[in-house]
Protein backbone atom coordinates (compact mmCIF):
# COMPACT_ATOMS: atom_id res chain seq x y z
CA UNK A 1 0.00 0.00 0.00
CA UNK A 2 2.82 2.38 0.90
CA UNK A 3 4.63 1.50 -2.32
CA UNK A 4 1.45 2.12 -4.32
CA UNK A 5 1.03 5.58 -2.75
CA UNK A 6 4.67 6.36 -3.51
CA UNK A 7 4.19 5.42 -7.14
CA UNK A 8 1.06 7.58 -7.41
CA UNK A 9 2.91 10.57 -5.90
CA UNK A 10 5.88 10.00 -8.19
CA UNK A 11 3.59 9.74 -11.18
CA UNK A 12 1.82 12.97 -10.23
CA UNK A 13 5.17 14.77 -9.89
CA UNK A 14 6.49 13.65 -13.23
CA UNK A 15 3.16 14.23 -14.92
CA UNK A 16 3.20 17.83 -13.72
CA UNK A 17 6.64 18.31 -15.24
CA UNK A 18 5.68 16.64 -18.47
CA UNK A 19 2.39 18.42 -18.95
CA UNK A 20 4.14 21.76 -18.45
CA UNK A 21 5.47 21.19 -21.95
CA UNK A 22 2.51 21.49 -24.34
CA UNK A 23 4.54 19.95 -27.17
CA UNK A 24 5.37 16.74 -25.27
CA UNK A 25 3.58 14.06 -27.33
CA UNK A 26 5.11 11.33 -25.19
CA UNK A 27 3.20 12.67 -22.21
CA UNK A 28 -0.07 11.37 -23.61
CA UNK A 29 1.51 8.02 -24.32
CA UNK A 30 2.79 7.75 -20.77
CA UNK A 31 -0.56 8.70 -19.28
CA UNK A 32 -2.27 5.99 -21.29
CA UNK A 33 -0.07 3.42 -19.59
CA UNK A 34 -1.57 4.21 -16.17
CA UNK A 35 -4.64 2.50 -14.85
CA UNK A 36 -6.21 3.96 -11.72
CA UNK A 37 -2.95 5.65 -10.78
CA UNK A 38 -0.90 2.44 -10.89
CA UNK A 39 1.89 2.15 -13.45
CA UNK A 40 1.94 -0.83 -15.74
CA UNK A 41 5.15 -2.77 -16.24
CA UNK A 42 7.98 -0.57 -17.49
CA UNK A 43 5.81 2.57 -17.63
CA UNK A 44 7.44 4.25 -14.65
CA UNK A 45 10.93 3.86 -16.08
CA UNK A 46 9.75 5.23 -19.42
CA UNK A 47 8.04 8.16 -17.72
CA UNK A 48 11.21 9.01 -15.78
CA UNK A 49 13.26 9.04 -18.98
CA UNK A 50 10.75 11.31 -20.69
CA UNK A 51 10.58 13.66 -17.70
CA UNK A 52 14.35 13.92 -17.60
CA UNK A 53 14.44 14.81 -21.28
CA UNK A 54 11.75 17.48 -20.91
CA UNK A 55 13.19 19.11 -17.80
CA UNK A 56 16.75 19.19 -19.16
CA UNK A 57 15.89 21.47 -22.07
CA UNK A 58 18.41 24.24 -22.63
CA UNK A 59 17.25 27.80 -22.02
CA UNK A 60 16.99 29.89 -25.21
CA UNK A 61 20.03 31.91 -26.18
CA UNK A 62 18.01 35.10 -25.66
CA UNK A 63 17.78 34.30 -21.94
CA UNK A 64 21.53 33.89 -21.72
CA UNK A 65 21.95 37.12 -23.68
CA UNK A 66 19.93 39.08 -21.13
CA UNK A 67 21.78 37.40 -18.30
CA UNK A 68 25.11 38.52 -19.71
CA UNK A 69 23.81 42.01 -20.42
CA UNK A 70 22.96 42.35 -16.74
CA UNK A 71 26.20 40.70 -15.67
CA UNK A 72 28.21 43.24 -17.63
CA UNK A 73 26.22 46.17 -16.24
CA UNK A 74 26.87 45.16 -12.64
CA UNK A 75 30.53 44.23 -13.14
CA UNK A 76 32.73 46.08 -10.68
CA UNK A 77 36.13 45.44 -12.21
CA UNK A 78 37.97 43.67 -15.03
CA UNK A 79 37.96 40.40 -13.09
CA UNK A 80 34.16 40.40 -13.28
CA UNK A 81 34.33 40.83 -17.06
CA UNK A 82 36.87 38.01 -17.35
CA UNK A 83 34.56 35.85 -15.24
CA UNK A 84 31.71 36.68 -17.60
CA UNK A 85 33.75 35.33 -20.50
CA UNK A 86 34.24 32.14 -18.51
CA UNK A 87 30.48 31.94 -17.95
CA UNK A 88 29.90 32.43 -21.67
CA UNK A 89 32.33 29.64 -22.46
CA UNK A 90 30.51 27.39 -20.01
CA UNK A 91 27.10 28.14 -21.55
CA UNK A 92 25.40 25.88 -24.12
CA UNK A 93 26.27 28.53 -26.73
CA UNK A 94 30.03 28.63 -26.20
CA UNK A 95 30.64 28.14 -29.92
CA UNK A 96 28.98 31.45 -30.68
CA UNK A 97 30.24 33.78 -27.97
CA UNK A 98 30.70 36.45 -30.62
CA UNK A 99 26.93 36.65 -30.95
CA UNK A 100 26.60 37.78 -27.35
CA UNK A 101 28.78 40.82 -28.15
CA UNK A 102 27.49 41.76 -31.59
CA UNK A 103 23.75 41.73 -30.91
CA UNK A 104 21.92 44.93 -30.00
CA UNK A 105 19.69 43.56 -27.28
CA UNK A 106 20.94 45.04 -24.00
CA UNK A 107 19.05 47.71 -22.11
CA UNK A 108 20.45 51.14 -22.86
CA UNK A 109 21.01 53.00 -19.60
CA UNK A 110 21.82 56.44 -21.01
CA UNK A 111 20.10 58.66 -23.57
CA UNK A 112 19.13 55.95 -26.06
CA UNK A 113 15.98 53.92 -25.64
CA UNK A 114 17.05 51.50 -28.35
CA UNK A 115 18.81 48.30 -27.21
CA UNK A 116 22.59 48.28 -27.57
CA UNK A 117 25.39 45.70 -27.77
CA UNK A 118 26.86 44.67 -24.41
CA UNK A 119 30.04 46.73 -24.60
CA UNK A 120 28.16 50.00 -25.14
CA UNK A 121 27.20 50.01 -21.48
CA UNK A 122 30.81 50.69 -20.59
CA UNK A 123 29.56 54.26 -21.00
CA UNK A 124 27.39 54.00 -17.89
CA UNK A 125 30.32 54.52 -15.54
CA UNK A 126 33.42 55.50 -17.50
CA UNK A 127 35.69 55.65 -14.46
CA UNK A 128 34.85 52.19 -13.14
CA UNK A 129 34.52 50.62 -16.59
CA UNK A 130 37.42 52.30 -18.38
CA UNK A 131 39.44 49.09 -18.78
CA UNK A 132 36.51 46.92 -19.81
CA UNK A 133 37.00 47.50 -23.58
CA UNK A 134 40.62 46.41 -23.21
CA UNK A 135 39.53 43.10 -21.68
CA UNK A 136 37.10 42.47 -24.55
CA UNK A 137 39.69 43.52 -27.15
CA UNK A 138 42.37 41.25 -25.71
CA UNK A 139 39.99 38.30 -25.44
CA UNK A 140 38.99 38.38 -29.10
CA UNK A 141 42.06 39.90 -30.77
CA UNK A 142 44.89 38.38 -28.74
CA UNK A 143 43.24 35.32 -27.26
CA UNK A 144 40.88 34.11 -29.99
CA UNK A 145 42.70 35.70 -32.93
CA UNK A 146 39.34 37.05 -34.07
CA UNK A 147 39.77 40.81 -34.56
CA UNK A 148 36.66 40.87 -36.73
CA UNK A 149 34.50 40.07 -33.70
CA UNK A 150 36.02 42.93 -31.72
CA UNK A 151 35.41 45.33 -34.60
CA UNK A 152 31.84 44.21 -35.00
CA UNK A 153 31.24 44.47 -31.24
CA UNK A 154 32.25 48.14 -31.15
CA UNK A 155 31.04 49.19 -34.59
CA UNK A 156 27.66 47.47 -34.73
CA UNK A 157 25.00 50.19 -34.77
CA UNK A 158 21.84 50.03 -32.74
CA UNK A 159 18.50 50.86 -34.36
CA UNK A 160 19.22 54.57 -33.87
CA UNK A 161 22.45 54.28 -35.85
CA UNK A 162 24.95 54.71 -33.01
CA UNK A 163 28.24 52.84 -32.85
CA UNK A 164 30.08 52.64 -29.53
CA UNK A 165 32.05 55.78 -30.45
CA UNK A 166 28.85 57.62 -31.40
CA UNK A 167 27.29 56.54 -28.14
CA UNK A 168 30.16 57.86 -26.06
CA UNK A 169 30.58 61.05 -28.09
CA UNK A 170 26.90 61.91 -27.86
CA UNK A 171 27.08 61.78 -24.08
CA UNK A 172 30.33 63.75 -23.96
CA UNK A 173 28.86 66.48 -26.19
CA UNK A 174 25.68 66.68 -24.10
CA UNK A 175 27.63 67.13 -20.89
CA UNK A 176 26.48 63.85 -19.41
CA UNK A 177 29.80 63.19 -17.68
CA UNK A 178 29.85 65.66 -14.81
CA UNK A 179 31.29 63.47 -12.08
CA UNK A 180 34.92 63.62 -11.03
CA UNK A 181 37.07 62.27 -13.82
CA UNK A 182 34.15 60.82 -15.80
CA UNK A 183 34.64 62.99 -18.89
CA UNK A 184 38.41 62.40 -18.93
CA UNK A 185 37.81 58.66 -18.64
CA UNK A 186 35.26 58.83 -21.47
CA UNK A 187 37.76 60.67 -23.67
CA UNK A 188 40.41 58.04 -22.93
CA UNK A 189 37.97 55.30 -23.96
CA UNK A 190 37.26 57.22 -27.16
CA UNK A 191 40.99 57.45 -27.82
CA UNK A 192 41.39 53.71 -27.19
CA UNK A 193 38.57 52.85 -29.58
CA UNK A 194 39.99 55.12 -32.26
CA UNK A 195 43.37 53.39 -31.98
CA UNK A 196 41.75 49.99 -32.21
CA UNK A 197 39.38 50.19 -35.14
CA UNK A 198 36.43 52.16 -33.80
CA UNK A 199 34.49 54.28 -36.25
CA UNK A 200 31.77 56.91 -36.11
CA UNK A 201 28.55 56.41 -38.03
CA UNK A 202 25.72 58.60 -36.73
CA UNK A 203 28.14 61.44 -35.92
CA UNK A 204 30.63 60.91 -38.72
CA UNK A 205 30.04 64.42 -40.09
CA UNK A 206 30.79 66.14 -36.80
CA UNK A 207 33.17 63.80 -34.96
CA UNK A 208 36.29 61.98 -36.05
CA UNK A 209 39.24 60.17 -34.57
CA UNK A 210 42.36 62.32 -34.19
């Protein structure tokens, strides 16, 4: 009797997991194998295998993208950014890390309402984040020998047409950086980007690399 109750509880648990997935055709097959809450021979083992398969589904890349967007925003130092690269490499999408950096899908914290690539949010706190672009550059250019990814990461435009340089320059020109050292740090980031392949797009007629 105790065993029977255990099997019913176990069946209910797995059924809940399985039925959470509306596309699980095997769920109906497994349910048909139960009579009055008691599993037929081999049905429980089959149900467990199906439940394991359903519950082990990989989260969509978009969810990881948002996770890394947030992770970058709250990074306190270069070690945090290096750790984020390790987390990317450990994700199910490690073969396409470049996509995390070249997609305009992160929340823009400054003037723009349009989503931006991850690295753009270096501009949120130029003093704290000043070395972040160097970490990203060295990872792709020196570590992965993929300079094209670095260039795309900083020169991809969001839907408003801003590259990373445009994004920084806009905020410099509008006097956004009023805190101690923030404008100087922003100008140093601009200089670094200019030396390492950054280009203007939206502001190309009014701003240029020296």
